[in-house]
N, C-alpha and C. Protein backbone atom coordinates (compact mmCIF):
# COMPACT_ATOMS: atom_id res chain seq x y z
N MET A 1 -84.49 136.37 208.09
CA MET A 1 -84.02 135.98 206.80
C MET A 1 -84.30 134.42 206.76
N PHE A 2 -83.85 133.78 207.96
CA PHE A 2 -84.14 132.42 207.97
C PHE A 2 -85.38 131.84 207.56
N TRP A 3 -86.61 132.44 208.13
CA TRP A 3 -87.96 132.06 207.87
C TRP A 3 -88.28 132.35 206.46
N ARG A 4 -87.79 133.43 205.82
CA ARG A 4 -88.15 133.67 204.44
C ARG A 4 -87.54 132.72 203.50
N ILE A 5 -86.20 132.32 203.90
CA ILE A 5 -85.61 131.28 203.02
C ILE A 5 -86.43 129.92 203.09
N LEU A 6 -86.77 129.58 204.35
CA LEU A 6 -87.36 128.31 204.73
C LEU A 6 -88.85 128.38 203.98
N PHE A 7 -89.46 129.59 203.97
CA PHE A 7 -90.77 129.64 203.15
C PHE A 7 -90.44 129.55 201.79
N LEU A 8 -89.70 129.96 201.22
CA LEU A 8 -89.23 129.77 199.67
C LEU A 8 -89.06 128.30 199.47
N LEU A 9 -88.39 127.66 200.28
CA LEU A 9 -87.84 126.28 200.26
C LEU A 9 -89.11 125.38 200.23
N VAL A 10 -90.10 125.75 201.24
CA VAL A 10 -91.35 125.13 201.29
C VAL A 10 -92.24 125.08 200.06
N VAL A 11 -92.32 126.31 199.57
CA VAL A 11 -92.98 126.66 198.21
C VAL A 11 -92.40 125.64 197.31
N VAL A 12 -91.14 125.75 197.12
CA VAL A 12 -90.56 125.05 196.05
C VAL A 12 -90.74 123.40 196.14
N VAL A 13 -90.57 122.93 197.31
CA VAL A 13 -90.83 121.49 197.69
C VAL A 13 -92.36 121.17 197.39
N VAL A 14 -93.19 122.01 197.96
CA VAL A 14 -94.60 121.67 197.97
C VAL A 14 -95.01 121.82 196.38
N SER A 15 -94.57 122.80 195.59
CA SER A 15 -94.83 122.87 194.21
C SER A 15 -94.47 121.56 193.52
N ALA A 16 -93.23 121.07 193.62
CA ALA A 16 -92.65 119.95 193.13
C ALA A 16 -93.64 118.59 193.50
N LEU A 17 -93.84 118.54 194.76
CA LEU A 17 -94.76 117.41 195.08
C LEU A 17 -96.03 117.45 194.29
N PHE A 18 -96.60 118.55 194.25
CA PHE A 18 -98.01 118.61 193.55
C PHE A 18 -98.02 118.49 192.16
N VAL A 19 -96.68 118.76 191.44
CA VAL A 19 -96.73 118.48 189.87
C VAL A 19 -96.15 117.19 189.47
N VAL A 20 -95.40 116.60 190.26
CA VAL A 20 -94.65 115.22 190.04
C VAL A 20 -95.70 114.08 190.01
N GLN A 21 -95.70 113.28 188.81
CA GLN A 21 -96.54 112.22 188.71
C GLN A 21 -95.87 111.09 189.60
N THR A 22 -96.56 110.74 190.51
CA THR A 22 -96.14 109.52 191.36
C THR A 22 -97.47 108.49 191.23
N PRO A 23 -96.93 107.14 191.09
CA PRO A 23 -98.06 106.31 191.32
C PRO A 23 -98.53 106.12 192.89
N PRO A 24 -99.77 105.70 193.12
CA PRO A 24 -100.36 105.78 194.42
C PRO A 24 -99.63 104.65 195.03
N THR A 25 -99.22 104.73 196.27
CA THR A 25 -98.77 103.58 197.11
C THR A 25 -99.90 102.69 197.52
N PRO A 26 -99.49 101.31 197.96
CA PRO A 26 -100.70 100.52 198.48
C PRO A 26 -101.24 101.28 199.82
N ALA A 27 -100.35 101.86 200.71
CA ALA A 27 -100.81 102.44 202.01
C ALA A 27 -101.89 103.44 201.62
N ALA A 28 -101.51 104.31 200.64
CA ALA A 28 -102.30 105.56 200.27
C ALA A 28 -103.52 105.01 199.57
N ALA A 29 -103.76 103.91 198.91
CA ALA A 29 -104.88 103.21 198.47
C ALA A 29 -105.77 102.66 199.49
N SER A 30 -105.34 102.34 200.62
CA SER A 30 -106.19 101.71 201.62
C SER A 30 -106.62 102.73 202.60
N PHE A 31 -106.13 104.10 202.47
CA PHE A 31 -106.40 105.06 203.35
C PHE A 31 -107.14 106.25 202.60
N PRO A 32 -108.40 106.02 202.58
CA PRO A 32 -109.32 107.10 201.68
C PRO A 32 -109.16 108.39 202.17
N ASN A 33 -109.02 109.14 201.07
CA ASN A 33 -108.89 110.61 200.97
C ASN A 33 -107.46 111.03 201.61
N ALA A 34 -106.48 110.14 201.56
CA ALA A 34 -105.16 110.54 201.98
C ALA A 34 -104.69 111.66 201.37
N ASP A 35 -104.81 111.82 199.90
CA ASP A 35 -104.37 113.08 199.33
C ASP A 35 -104.83 114.39 199.95
N LYS A 36 -106.18 114.21 200.53
CA LYS A 36 -106.75 115.53 201.13
C LYS A 36 -105.86 115.80 202.40
N VAL A 37 -105.64 114.73 203.22
CA VAL A 37 -104.90 115.01 204.45
C VAL A 37 -103.41 115.75 204.03
N VAL A 38 -102.69 115.17 203.10
CA VAL A 38 -101.53 115.69 202.51
C VAL A 38 -101.70 117.08 202.20
N HIS A 39 -102.80 117.35 201.39
CA HIS A 39 -103.11 118.87 201.09
C HIS A 39 -103.21 119.70 202.30
N PHE A 40 -103.93 119.32 203.11
CA PHE A 40 -104.30 120.02 204.40
C PHE A 40 -102.88 120.13 205.08
N GLY A 41 -102.00 119.07 205.39
CA GLY A 41 -100.76 119.32 206.06
C GLY A 41 -99.93 120.19 205.38
N LEU A 42 -99.81 120.18 204.21
CA LEU A 42 -98.79 120.88 203.39
C LEU A 42 -99.24 122.40 203.55
N PHE A 43 -100.41 122.71 203.34
CA PHE A 43 -101.00 124.24 203.42
C PHE A 43 -100.85 124.54 204.76
N PHE A 44 -100.96 123.78 205.73
CA PHE A 44 -100.77 124.17 207.20
C PHE A 44 -99.30 124.76 207.33
N ILE A 45 -98.31 123.92 206.76
CA ILE A 45 -97.10 124.18 206.86
C ILE A 45 -96.82 125.59 205.97
N LEU A 46 -97.28 125.73 204.86
CA LEU A 46 -97.11 127.04 204.02
C LEU A 46 -97.55 128.08 204.81
N ALA A 47 -98.87 128.04 205.32
CA ALA A 47 -99.29 129.26 206.20
C ALA A 47 -98.49 129.54 207.38
N THR A 48 -97.95 128.50 208.01
CA THR A 48 -97.14 128.79 209.02
C THR A 48 -95.77 129.32 208.75
N THR A 49 -95.03 128.72 207.78
CA THR A 49 -93.85 129.49 207.16
C THR A 49 -94.14 130.87 206.64
N MET A 50 -95.30 131.15 205.98
CA MET A 50 -95.42 132.33 205.47
C MET A 50 -95.71 133.42 206.56
N HIS A 51 -96.41 132.99 207.65
CA HIS A 51 -96.61 133.77 208.71
C HIS A 51 -95.38 134.08 209.42
N LEU A 52 -94.40 133.18 209.51
CA LEU A 52 -93.16 133.28 210.37
C LEU A 52 -92.11 134.15 209.54
N ALA A 53 -92.30 134.09 208.30
CA ALA A 53 -91.48 134.70 207.31
C ALA A 53 -91.85 136.25 207.04
N PHE A 54 -93.08 136.45 206.94
CA PHE A 54 -93.67 137.97 206.45
C PHE A 54 -94.77 138.35 207.65
N ARG A 55 -95.03 137.59 208.60
CA ARG A 55 -96.06 137.94 209.39
C ARG A 55 -97.33 138.40 208.79
N ALA A 56 -97.61 137.56 207.81
CA ALA A 56 -98.77 137.94 206.92
C ALA A 56 -100.12 137.76 207.74
N ARG A 57 -100.84 138.78 207.58
CA ARG A 57 -102.33 138.54 208.27
C ARG A 57 -103.13 137.76 207.69
N LEU A 58 -104.10 137.20 208.25
CA LEU A 58 -105.11 136.54 207.66
C LEU A 58 -105.78 136.99 206.35
N LEU A 59 -106.00 138.13 206.47
CA LEU A 59 -106.60 138.82 205.09
C LEU A 59 -105.61 138.82 203.89
N ILE A 60 -104.50 138.76 204.10
CA ILE A 60 -103.49 138.77 203.16
C ILE A 60 -102.95 137.34 202.82
N ALA A 61 -102.85 136.49 203.83
CA ALA A 61 -102.47 135.22 203.62
C ALA A 61 -103.52 134.31 202.89
N ILE A 62 -104.81 134.37 203.32
CA ILE A 62 -105.92 133.60 202.62
C ILE A 62 -105.95 133.88 201.20
N PRO A 63 -106.03 135.11 200.76
CA PRO A 63 -106.10 135.20 199.08
C PRO A 63 -104.89 134.87 198.46
N LEU A 64 -103.70 134.97 199.07
CA LEU A 64 -102.54 134.41 198.50
C LEU A 64 -102.36 133.10 198.23
N LEU A 65 -102.70 132.41 199.43
CA LEU A 65 -102.61 130.91 199.47
C LEU A 65 -103.78 130.32 198.61
N LEU A 66 -104.90 130.97 198.58
CA LEU A 66 -106.09 130.50 197.77
C LEU A 66 -105.59 130.60 196.17
N VAL A 67 -105.01 131.51 195.89
CA VAL A 67 -104.58 131.83 194.45
C VAL A 67 -103.61 130.69 194.15
N TYR A 68 -102.55 130.41 194.87
CA TYR A 68 -101.63 129.38 195.07
C TYR A 68 -102.27 127.95 194.79
N ALA A 69 -103.16 127.83 195.64
CA ALA A 69 -103.93 126.48 195.67
C ALA A 69 -104.54 126.30 194.28
N VAL A 70 -105.40 127.20 193.72
CA VAL A 70 -105.90 127.15 192.61
C VAL A 70 -105.02 127.10 191.37
N VAL A 71 -103.84 127.84 191.40
CA VAL A 71 -102.70 127.45 190.25
C VAL A 71 -102.30 126.25 190.21
N ILE A 72 -101.90 125.64 191.43
CA ILE A 72 -101.49 124.35 191.58
C ILE A 72 -102.56 123.22 190.89
N GLU A 73 -103.72 123.40 191.20
CA GLU A 73 -104.85 122.57 190.58
C GLU A 73 -104.91 122.70 189.13
N ILE A 74 -104.70 123.78 188.60
CA ILE A 74 -104.79 124.21 187.35
C ILE A 74 -103.83 123.49 186.48
N VAL A 75 -102.41 123.58 187.07
CA VAL A 75 -101.19 123.09 186.48
C VAL A 75 -101.45 121.54 186.53
N GLN A 76 -101.95 120.95 187.69
CA GLN A 76 -102.15 119.55 187.80
C GLN A 76 -103.10 119.04 186.64
N HIS A 77 -104.16 119.75 186.42
CA HIS A 77 -105.25 119.54 185.19
C HIS A 77 -104.38 119.20 183.95
N HIS A 78 -103.31 119.93 183.73
CA HIS A 78 -102.70 119.84 182.45
C HIS A 78 -101.60 118.76 182.46
N ILE A 79 -101.26 118.03 183.48
CA ILE A 79 -100.32 117.15 183.68
C ILE A 79 -100.91 115.75 183.49
N PRO A 80 -100.46 115.03 182.26
CA PRO A 80 -100.88 113.68 182.10
C PRO A 80 -100.92 112.67 183.29
N GLY A 81 -102.03 112.32 183.89
CA GLY A 81 -102.14 111.24 184.87
C GLY A 81 -102.42 112.02 186.10
N ARG A 82 -102.47 113.35 186.04
CA ARG A 82 -102.87 114.13 187.20
C ARG A 82 -104.36 114.64 186.97
N GLY A 83 -104.82 115.11 187.97
CA GLY A 83 -106.18 115.90 187.85
C GLY A 83 -106.49 116.91 188.71
N ALA A 84 -107.33 117.71 188.51
CA ALA A 84 -107.55 118.92 189.40
C ALA A 84 -109.01 118.49 190.10
N GLU A 85 -108.99 118.97 191.42
CA GLU A 85 -110.24 118.74 192.23
C GLU A 85 -110.52 119.93 193.08
N VAL A 86 -111.56 120.19 193.08
CA VAL A 86 -112.08 121.44 194.00
C VAL A 86 -111.89 121.08 195.51
N LEU A 87 -112.07 119.71 195.69
CA LEU A 87 -112.00 119.29 197.26
C LEU A 87 -110.36 119.54 197.72
N ASP A 88 -109.54 119.34 196.65
CA ASP A 88 -108.18 119.60 197.09
C ASP A 88 -107.79 121.02 197.36
N VAL A 89 -108.54 122.00 196.90
CA VAL A 89 -108.41 123.40 197.07
C VAL A 89 -109.13 123.55 198.69
N VAL A 90 -110.16 122.94 198.73
CA VAL A 90 -110.94 123.17 200.12
C VAL A 90 -109.99 122.48 201.28
N ALA A 91 -109.33 121.41 201.04
CA ALA A 91 -108.42 120.89 201.92
C ALA A 91 -107.32 121.87 202.22
N ASP A 92 -106.89 122.36 201.21
CA ASP A 92 -105.68 123.28 201.19
C ASP A 92 -106.06 124.53 202.10
N MET A 93 -107.23 125.19 201.80
CA MET A 93 -107.89 126.20 202.73
C MET A 93 -108.09 125.94 204.27
N LEU A 94 -108.52 124.77 204.18
CA LEU A 94 -108.69 124.09 205.60
C LEU A 94 -107.55 124.17 206.44
N GLY A 95 -106.37 123.60 205.76
CA GLY A 95 -105.12 123.65 206.39
C GLY A 95 -104.57 125.11 206.88
N VAL A 96 -104.88 126.20 205.77
CA VAL A 96 -104.53 127.64 206.15
C VAL A 96 -105.41 128.10 207.31
N LEU A 97 -106.71 127.80 207.34
CA LEU A 97 -107.46 128.36 208.42
C LEU A 97 -107.17 127.51 209.77
N ALA A 98 -106.62 126.30 209.71
CA ALA A 98 -106.47 125.62 210.92
C ALA A 98 -105.07 126.24 211.38
N PHE A 99 -104.17 126.66 210.83
CA PHE A 99 -103.07 127.34 211.20
C PHE A 99 -103.62 128.80 212.07
N TYR A 100 -104.31 129.42 211.37
CA TYR A 100 -104.78 130.77 211.94
C TYR A 100 -105.63 130.59 213.03
N LEU A 101 -106.35 129.45 213.15
CA LEU A 101 -107.23 129.13 214.19
C LEU A 101 -106.34 128.78 215.62
N ALA A 102 -105.32 127.95 215.23
CA ALA A 102 -104.43 127.57 216.27
C ALA A 102 -103.53 128.54 216.67
N ARG A 103 -103.20 129.51 215.86
CA ARG A 103 -102.54 130.75 216.34
C ARG A 103 -103.32 131.52 217.17
N ALA A 104 -104.54 131.67 216.78
CA ALA A 104 -105.37 132.65 217.55
C ALA A 104 -105.62 132.11 218.91
N LEU A 105 -105.82 130.69 219.05
CA LEU A 105 -106.10 130.09 220.25
C LEU A 105 -104.73 130.06 221.25
N TYR A 106 -103.70 130.03 220.52
CA TYR A 106 -102.52 130.15 221.24
C TYR A 106 -102.28 131.50 221.92
N LYS A 107 -102.51 132.57 221.00
CA LYS A 107 -102.31 134.00 221.34
C LYS A 107 -103.43 134.12 222.61
N ASN A 108 -104.67 133.72 222.56
CA ASN A 108 -105.60 134.00 223.59
C ASN A 108 -105.25 133.16 224.85
N ARG A 109 -104.87 132.13 224.80
CA ARG A 109 -104.34 131.20 226.04
C ARG A 109 -103.13 132.03 226.61
N LYS A 110 -102.17 132.44 225.73
CA LYS A 110 -100.94 133.23 226.30
C LYS A 110 -101.39 134.53 226.99
N LYS A 111 -102.31 135.04 226.44
CA LYS A 111 -102.83 136.37 227.04
C LYS A 111 -103.70 136.33 228.28
N ARG A 112 -104.34 135.08 228.46
CA ARG A 112 -105.06 134.84 229.70
C ARG A 112 -103.92 134.32 230.84
N SER A 113 -102.91 133.83 230.48
CA SER A 113 -101.72 133.40 231.49
C SER A 113 -101.12 134.60 232.00
N LEU A 114 -101.12 135.72 231.41
CA LEU A 114 -100.26 136.86 231.89
C LEU A 114 -101.08 137.49 232.96
């Protein structure tokens, strides 16, 4: 139950972060593609909490999180001062795939140590 509540909280926070208009900080301006790193990290966390909450398999998690990523970009497109970028969705999905790759490597390493 804890992981499901945490997952829902993460979805709410991530959704809010992606739709709230915030001016770029000087640090973000000096770090090229900082927004892509944020997308990657947030979707890594989303995939992690989704897996812990529902034990979602890769073939279920990827389409669900892809739809969520696309919806977020569509919503951002309609918010003044925000924009939609295909590369944001790519960064999102790379974060999801990174979680599942890390999980597979962990399981493989754990299996070998037994």
